Amino acid sequence: MHGDSDNPDREFACQSDPRNECVVPGSKPDSRVFSDVHFYYHGAGRQTKFTGTVSVGFMGESTRASVFPVNARAEGAESIAYQSINGIVSSQPGRYKVTIDVVGTVDEDAKGQPVREEVEVVVQ
């Protein structure tokens, strides 16, 4: 999602299912573009805990991606945990990565299942 400081969810950019190209406009000195990235963690049985990180490369002016911790809990098989990250879109056009790198664990004593996904975001 992208928009302005009042509503960073004003315009749809992309989604993971069905996967489509992710394109957002770049910020300009007189017009900053804000983005809100939504992550949904789906339960896989009883309570499912997700831990790890999400890396967002297209926000800010750094050449390094911003990394955010994930500590989410879906309370059952039909449950969904939610995380939202928002910030200012880079002014540098290019292709950036959003990387989800988490482990989903159903039981505290069980071995977790790694989940790694990369989504390319094009800043124009």
N, C-alpha and C. Protein backbone atom coordinates (compact mmCIF):
# COMPACT_ATOMS: atom_id res chain seq x y z
N MET A 1 0.86 -1.17 0.00
CA MET A 1 0.00 0.00 0.00
C MET A 1 0.91 1.23 0.00
N HIS A 2 0.38 2.34 -0.58
CA HIS A 2 1.13 3.59 -0.53
C HIS A 2 0.17 4.76 -0.58
N GLY A 3 0.66 5.89 -0.12
CA GLY A 3 -0.16 7.10 -0.09
C GLY A 3 0.63 8.24 0.50
N ASP A 4 -0.04 9.05 1.33
CA ASP A 4 0.64 10.19 1.95
C ASP A 4 0.67 9.99 3.46
N SER A 5 1.15 11.02 4.18
CA SER A 5 1.29 10.87 5.63
C SER A 5 -0.06 10.71 6.32
N ASP A 6 -1.11 11.25 5.75
CA ASP A 6 -2.45 11.09 6.35
C ASP A 6 -3.03 9.70 6.13
N ASN A 7 -2.67 9.07 5.00
CA ASN A 7 -3.22 7.75 4.69
C ASN A 7 -2.23 6.95 3.82
N PRO A 8 -1.28 6.26 4.47
CA PRO A 8 -0.32 5.46 3.70
C PRO A 8 -0.95 4.22 3.06
N ASP A 9 -2.24 3.97 3.33
CA ASP A 9 -2.97 2.85 2.73
C ASP A 9 -3.91 3.28 1.62
N ARG A 10 -3.70 4.46 1.06
CA ARG A 10 -4.64 5.00 0.07
C ARG A 10 -4.66 4.20 -1.23
N GLU A 11 -3.51 3.78 -1.72
CA GLU A 11 -3.42 3.08 -3.01
C GLU A 11 -2.88 1.67 -2.82
N PHE A 12 -3.48 0.73 -3.53
CA PHE A 12 -3.02 -0.65 -3.52
C PHE A 12 -1.79 -0.79 -4.41
N ALA A 13 -0.79 -1.53 -3.96
CA ALA A 13 0.41 -1.77 -4.77
C ALA A 13 0.51 -3.22 -5.21
N CYS A 14 0.37 -4.16 -4.27
CA CYS A 14 0.49 -5.57 -4.64
C CYS A 14 0.07 -6.45 -3.47
N GLN A 15 0.04 -7.74 -3.75
CA GLN A 15 -0.24 -8.73 -2.72
C GLN A 15 0.50 -10.01 -3.07
N SER A 16 0.57 -10.93 -2.13
CA SER A 16 1.34 -12.15 -2.36
C SER A 16 0.54 -13.25 -3.04
N ASP A 17 -0.80 -13.24 -2.88
CA ASP A 17 -1.59 -14.30 -3.47
C ASP A 17 -2.90 -13.74 -4.00
N PRO A 18 -3.08 -13.62 -5.31
CA PRO A 18 -2.11 -14.00 -6.32
C PRO A 18 -0.98 -12.97 -6.40
N ARG A 19 0.19 -13.47 -6.68
CA ARG A 19 1.38 -12.62 -6.74
C ARG A 19 1.30 -11.73 -7.97
N ASN A 20 1.49 -10.45 -7.78
CA ASN A 20 1.55 -9.52 -8.90
C ASN A 20 2.72 -8.57 -8.69
N GLU A 21 3.12 -7.87 -9.74
CA GLU A 21 4.26 -6.97 -9.64
C GLU A 21 3.97 -5.88 -8.61
N CYS A 22 4.98 -5.58 -7.81
CA CYS A 22 4.85 -4.60 -6.74
C CYS A 22 5.54 -3.31 -7.18
N VAL A 23 4.77 -2.28 -7.47
CA VAL A 23 5.32 -1.01 -7.94
C VAL A 23 4.78 0.12 -7.08
N VAL A 24 5.68 0.96 -6.58
CA VAL A 24 5.28 2.13 -5.80
C VAL A 24 6.02 3.35 -6.35
N PRO A 25 5.40 4.53 -6.27
CA PRO A 25 6.10 5.74 -6.71
C PRO A 25 7.16 6.12 -5.69
N GLY A 26 8.23 6.72 -6.17
CA GLY A 26 9.28 7.18 -5.27
C GLY A 26 8.95 8.54 -4.68
N SER A 27 9.53 8.81 -3.53
CA SER A 27 9.36 10.12 -2.90
C SER A 27 10.09 11.18 -3.69
N LYS A 28 9.61 12.40 -3.58
CA LYS A 28 10.25 13.56 -4.18
C LYS A 28 10.47 14.58 -3.07
N PRO A 29 11.39 15.52 -3.25
CA PRO A 29 11.66 16.49 -2.18
C PRO A 29 10.42 17.23 -1.69
N ASP A 30 9.50 17.53 -2.60
CA ASP A 30 8.30 18.28 -2.21
C ASP A 30 7.06 17.39 -2.04
N SER A 31 7.24 16.06 -2.16
CA SER A 31 6.10 15.14 -2.06
C SER A 31 6.57 13.77 -1.60
N ARG A 32 6.57 13.56 -0.30
CA ARG A 32 6.99 12.26 0.22
C ARG A 32 5.87 11.23 0.05
N VAL A 33 6.26 10.02 -0.34
CA VAL A 33 5.33 8.92 -0.48
C VAL A 33 5.51 8.01 0.74
N PHE A 34 4.41 7.68 1.38
CA PHE A 34 4.43 6.78 2.52
C PHE A 34 3.91 5.42 2.08
N SER A 35 4.43 4.38 2.72
CA SER A 35 3.99 3.03 2.41
C SER A 35 3.66 2.30 3.70
N ASP A 36 2.68 1.42 3.62
CA ASP A 36 2.29 0.57 4.73
C ASP A 36 2.30 -0.87 4.21
N VAL A 37 3.20 -1.68 4.75
CA VAL A 37 3.35 -3.07 4.31
C VAL A 37 2.70 -3.95 5.37
N HIS A 38 1.78 -4.80 4.94
CA HIS A 38 1.04 -5.67 5.85
C HIS A 38 1.54 -7.10 5.72
N PHE A 39 1.77 -7.74 6.86
CA PHE A 39 2.19 -9.14 6.90
C PHE A 39 1.14 -9.92 7.69
N TYR A 40 0.75 -11.08 7.15
CA TYR A 40 -0.23 -11.93 7.79
C TYR A 40 0.40 -13.30 8.04
N TYR A 41 0.34 -13.76 9.28
CA TYR A 41 0.92 -15.04 9.68
C TYR A 41 -0.24 -15.98 10.01
N HIS A 42 -0.37 -17.04 9.24
CA HIS A 42 -1.50 -17.96 9.36
C HIS A 42 -1.17 -19.12 10.30
N GLY A 43 -2.08 -19.39 11.22
CA GLY A 43 -1.91 -20.50 12.15
C GLY A 43 -1.85 -21.84 11.43
N ALA A 44 -1.09 -22.77 12.01
CA ALA A 44 -0.89 -24.08 11.39
C ALA A 44 -1.32 -25.21 12.33
N GLY A 45 -2.32 -24.98 13.11
CA GLY A 45 -2.76 -25.98 14.08
C GLY A 45 -3.17 -25.25 15.34
N ARG A 46 -2.74 -25.77 16.46
CA ARG A 46 -2.98 -25.04 17.71
C ARG A 46 -2.23 -23.72 17.63
N GLN A 47 -2.01 -23.13 18.73
CA GLN A 47 -1.30 -21.86 18.77
C GLN A 47 0.02 -21.95 18.00
N THR A 48 0.22 -21.04 17.05
CA THR A 48 1.44 -21.02 16.25
C THR A 48 2.19 -19.73 16.54
N LYS A 49 3.45 -19.86 16.92
CA LYS A 49 4.28 -18.70 17.22
C LYS A 49 5.25 -18.48 16.06
N PHE A 50 5.37 -17.23 15.63
CA PHE A 50 6.29 -16.86 14.55
C PHE A 50 7.33 -15.91 15.13
N THR A 51 8.59 -16.25 14.93
CA THR A 51 9.70 -15.39 15.37
C THR A 51 10.69 -15.26 14.24
N GLY A 52 11.37 -14.14 14.20
CA GLY A 52 12.38 -13.90 13.17
C GLY A 52 12.42 -12.44 12.81
N THR A 53 12.60 -12.16 11.52
CA THR A 53 12.71 -10.78 11.07
C THR A 53 12.01 -10.57 9.73
N VAL A 54 11.69 -9.32 9.48
CA VAL A 54 11.23 -8.85 8.19
C VAL A 54 12.18 -7.73 7.78
N SER A 55 12.70 -7.81 6.58
CA SER A 55 13.63 -6.81 6.07
C SER A 55 12.95 -6.05 4.93
N VAL A 56 12.92 -4.71 5.05
CA VAL A 56 12.25 -3.87 4.06
C VAL A 56 13.29 -2.94 3.43
N GLY A 57 13.53 -3.12 2.12
CA GLY A 57 14.59 -2.39 1.46
C GLY A 57 14.21 -1.09 0.80
N PHE A 58 12.93 -0.82 0.59
CA PHE A 58 12.55 0.34 -0.22
C PHE A 58 12.12 1.56 0.59
N MET A 59 12.20 1.49 1.91
CA MET A 59 11.85 2.63 2.75
C MET A 59 13.11 3.32 3.24
N GLY A 60 13.08 4.64 3.25
CA GLY A 60 14.24 5.41 3.72
C GLY A 60 15.25 5.63 2.63
N GLU A 61 16.33 6.29 2.98
CA GLU A 61 17.36 6.63 1.99
C GLU A 61 18.64 5.83 2.16
N SER A 62 18.67 4.93 3.12
CA SER A 62 19.86 4.11 3.33
C SER A 62 19.96 3.07 2.23
N THR A 63 21.19 2.65 1.93
CA THR A 63 21.38 1.58 0.96
C THR A 63 21.16 0.22 1.60
N ARG A 64 21.02 0.20 2.92
CA ARG A 64 20.76 -1.04 3.65
C ARG A 64 19.28 -1.13 4.00
N ALA A 65 18.76 -2.32 3.95
CA ALA A 65 17.35 -2.54 4.30
C ALA A 65 17.15 -2.35 5.80
N SER A 66 15.98 -1.88 6.16
CA SER A 66 15.60 -1.79 7.57
C SER A 66 15.08 -3.15 8.00
N VAL A 67 15.53 -3.61 9.16
CA VAL A 67 15.15 -4.93 9.66
C VAL A 67 14.25 -4.75 10.89
N PHE A 68 13.13 -5.46 10.89
CA PHE A 68 12.15 -5.37 11.96
C PHE A 68 11.94 -6.75 12.58
N PRO A 69 11.82 -6.83 13.90
CA PRO A 69 11.59 -8.13 14.53
C PRO A 69 10.17 -8.62 14.32
N VAL A 70 10.02 -9.93 14.28
CA VAL A 70 8.71 -10.57 14.22
C VAL A 70 8.55 -11.39 15.49
N ASN A 71 7.48 -11.16 16.20
CA ASN A 71 7.11 -11.95 17.36
C ASN A 71 5.58 -11.99 17.38
N ALA A 72 5.03 -12.89 16.57
CA ALA A 72 3.59 -12.93 16.36
C ALA A 72 3.05 -14.29 16.78
N ARG A 73 1.78 -14.30 17.17
CA ARG A 73 1.16 -15.54 17.63
C ARG A 73 -0.24 -15.66 17.03
N ALA A 74 -0.46 -16.73 16.26
CA ALA A 74 -1.78 -17.05 15.73
C ALA A 74 -2.39 -18.08 16.68
N GLU A 75 -3.58 -17.82 17.15
CA GLU A 75 -4.15 -18.61 18.25
C GLU A 75 -4.80 -19.93 17.83
N GLY A 76 -4.81 -20.27 16.55
CA GLY A 76 -5.38 -21.55 16.11
C GLY A 76 -5.24 -21.72 14.62
N ALA A 77 -5.70 -22.86 14.11
CA ALA A 77 -5.54 -23.17 12.68
C ALA A 77 -6.24 -22.15 11.78
N GLU A 78 -7.33 -21.59 12.23
CA GLU A 78 -8.07 -20.61 11.42
C GLU A 78 -7.69 -19.18 11.79
N SER A 79 -6.74 -19.01 12.67
CA SER A 79 -6.36 -17.70 13.18
C SER A 79 -5.25 -17.08 12.32
N ILE A 80 -5.22 -15.75 12.31
CA ILE A 80 -4.20 -15.01 11.57
C ILE A 80 -3.61 -13.95 12.50
N ALA A 81 -2.29 -13.90 12.57
CA ALA A 81 -1.59 -12.83 13.29
C ALA A 81 -1.20 -11.78 12.25
N TYR A 82 -1.09 -10.54 12.68
CA TYR A 82 -0.93 -9.42 11.75
C TYR A 82 0.21 -8.51 12.21
N GLN A 83 0.98 -8.00 11.25
CA GLN A 83 2.03 -7.02 11.54
C GLN A 83 2.00 -5.99 10.41
N SER A 84 2.18 -4.74 10.76
CA SER A 84 2.20 -3.66 9.77
C SER A 84 3.46 -2.84 9.99
N ILE A 85 4.14 -2.52 8.89
CA ILE A 85 5.34 -1.68 8.94
C ILE A 85 5.11 -0.53 7.97
N ASN A 86 5.29 0.69 8.46
CA ASN A 86 5.13 1.82 7.56
C ASN A 86 6.30 2.77 7.65
N GLY A 87 6.50 3.50 6.55
CA GLY A 87 7.60 4.44 6.46
C GLY A 87 7.56 5.20 5.15
N ILE A 88 8.59 5.99 4.92
CA ILE A 88 8.69 6.83 3.73
C ILE A 88 9.42 6.06 2.64
N VAL A 89 8.85 6.04 1.44
CA VAL A 89 9.44 5.34 0.30
C VAL A 89 10.69 6.10 -0.16
N SER A 90 11.72 5.37 -0.54
CA SER A 90 12.96 5.94 -1.04
C SER A 90 12.71 6.84 -2.25
N SER A 91 13.56 7.82 -2.42
CA SER A 91 13.49 8.67 -3.61
C SER A 91 14.33 8.10 -4.75
N GLN A 92 15.07 7.03 -4.48
CA GLN A 92 15.93 6.41 -5.48
C GLN A 92 15.18 5.32 -6.24
N PRO A 93 14.93 5.52 -7.54
CA PRO A 93 14.26 4.47 -8.32
C PRO A 93 15.11 3.20 -8.32
N GLY A 94 14.45 2.07 -8.40
CA GLY A 94 15.18 0.81 -8.47
C GLY A 94 14.35 -0.35 -7.99
N ARG A 95 15.02 -1.50 -7.90
CA ARG A 95 14.37 -2.73 -7.45
C ARG A 95 14.90 -3.05 -6.06
N TYR A 96 13.97 -3.26 -5.13
CA TYR A 96 14.30 -3.50 -3.73
C TYR A 96 13.65 -4.80 -3.29
N LYS A 97 14.16 -5.37 -2.20
CA LYS A 97 13.61 -6.62 -1.66
C LYS A 97 12.91 -6.37 -0.33
N VAL A 98 11.82 -7.09 -0.15
CA VAL A 98 11.20 -7.27 1.15
C VAL A 98 11.40 -8.75 1.45
N THR A 99 12.07 -9.05 2.56
CA THR A 99 12.39 -10.43 2.90
C THR A 99 11.76 -10.81 4.23
N ILE A 100 10.98 -11.88 4.20
CA ILE A 100 10.39 -12.44 5.41
C ILE A 100 11.24 -13.65 5.77
N ASP A 101 11.77 -13.65 6.99
CA ASP A 101 12.64 -14.74 7.44
C ASP A 101 12.21 -15.11 8.86
N VAL A 102 11.24 -16.01 8.95
CA VAL A 102 10.67 -16.37 10.25
C VAL A 102 10.67 -17.89 10.43
N VAL A 103 10.43 -18.29 11.67
CA VAL A 103 10.23 -19.70 12.01
C VAL A 103 8.86 -19.80 12.67
N GLY A 104 8.04 -20.70 12.16
CA GLY A 104 6.73 -20.96 12.76
C GLY A 104 6.80 -22.21 13.61
N THR A 105 6.39 -22.09 14.87
CA THR A 105 6.44 -23.22 15.80
C THR A 105 5.05 -23.44 16.38
N VAL A 106 4.54 -24.66 16.26
CA VAL A 106 3.20 -24.96 16.76
C VAL A 106 3.24 -25.27 18.25
N ASP A 107 4.15 -26.08 18.70
CA ASP A 107 4.31 -26.40 20.12
C ASP A 107 5.63 -25.82 20.59
N GLU A 108 5.68 -25.33 21.81
CA GLU A 108 6.91 -24.75 22.35
C GLU A 108 8.08 -25.73 22.26
N ASP A 109 7.81 -27.02 22.41
CA ASP A 109 8.88 -28.02 22.41
C ASP A 109 9.20 -28.56 21.02
N ALA A 110 8.36 -28.25 20.04
CA ALA A 110 8.53 -28.81 18.70
C ALA A 110 9.58 -28.01 17.91
N LYS A 111 10.13 -28.69 16.93
CA LYS A 111 11.06 -28.02 16.02
C LYS A 111 10.25 -27.10 15.11
N GLY A 112 10.71 -25.88 14.92
CA GLY A 112 10.00 -24.91 14.09
C GLY A 112 10.18 -25.16 12.62
N GLN A 113 9.27 -24.58 11.84
CA GLN A 113 9.31 -24.67 10.38
C GLN A 113 9.78 -23.33 9.84
N PRO A 114 10.95 -23.29 9.16
CA PRO A 114 11.41 -22.01 8.59
C PRO A 114 10.50 -21.56 7.45
N VAL A 115 10.26 -20.28 7.40
CA VAL A 115 9.49 -19.66 6.32
C VAL A 115 10.31 -18.49 5.82
N ARG A 116 10.75 -18.56 4.56
CA ARG A 116 11.52 -17.47 3.97
C ARG A 116 10.90 -17.12 2.63
N GLU A 117 10.62 -15.85 2.45
CA GLU A 117 9.97 -15.38 1.23
C GLU A 117 10.58 -14.03 0.86
N GLU A 118 10.83 -13.84 -0.42
CA GLU A 118 11.30 -12.54 -0.91
C GLU A 118 10.31 -11.98 -1.91
N VAL A 119 10.04 -10.70 -1.77
CA VAL A 119 9.15 -10.00 -2.70
C VAL A 119 9.94 -8.81 -3.24
N GLU A 120 9.96 -8.67 -4.55
CA GLU A 120 10.63 -7.53 -5.17
C GLU A 120 9.67 -6.36 -5.25
N VAL A 121 10.15 -5.19 -4.85
CA VAL A 121 9.36 -3.96 -4.93
C VAL A 121 10.10 -3.00 -5.86
N VAL A 122 9.39 -2.49 -6.86
CA VAL A 122 9.98 -1.55 -7.81
C VAL A 122 9.55 -0.14 -7.39
N VAL A 123 10.54 0.71 -7.18
CA VAL A 123 10.28 2.13 -6.89
C VAL A 123 10.53 2.89 -8.18
N GLN A 124 9.48 3.62 -8.63
CA GLN A 124 9.59 4.37 -9.89
C GLN A 124 9.72 5.85 -9.63
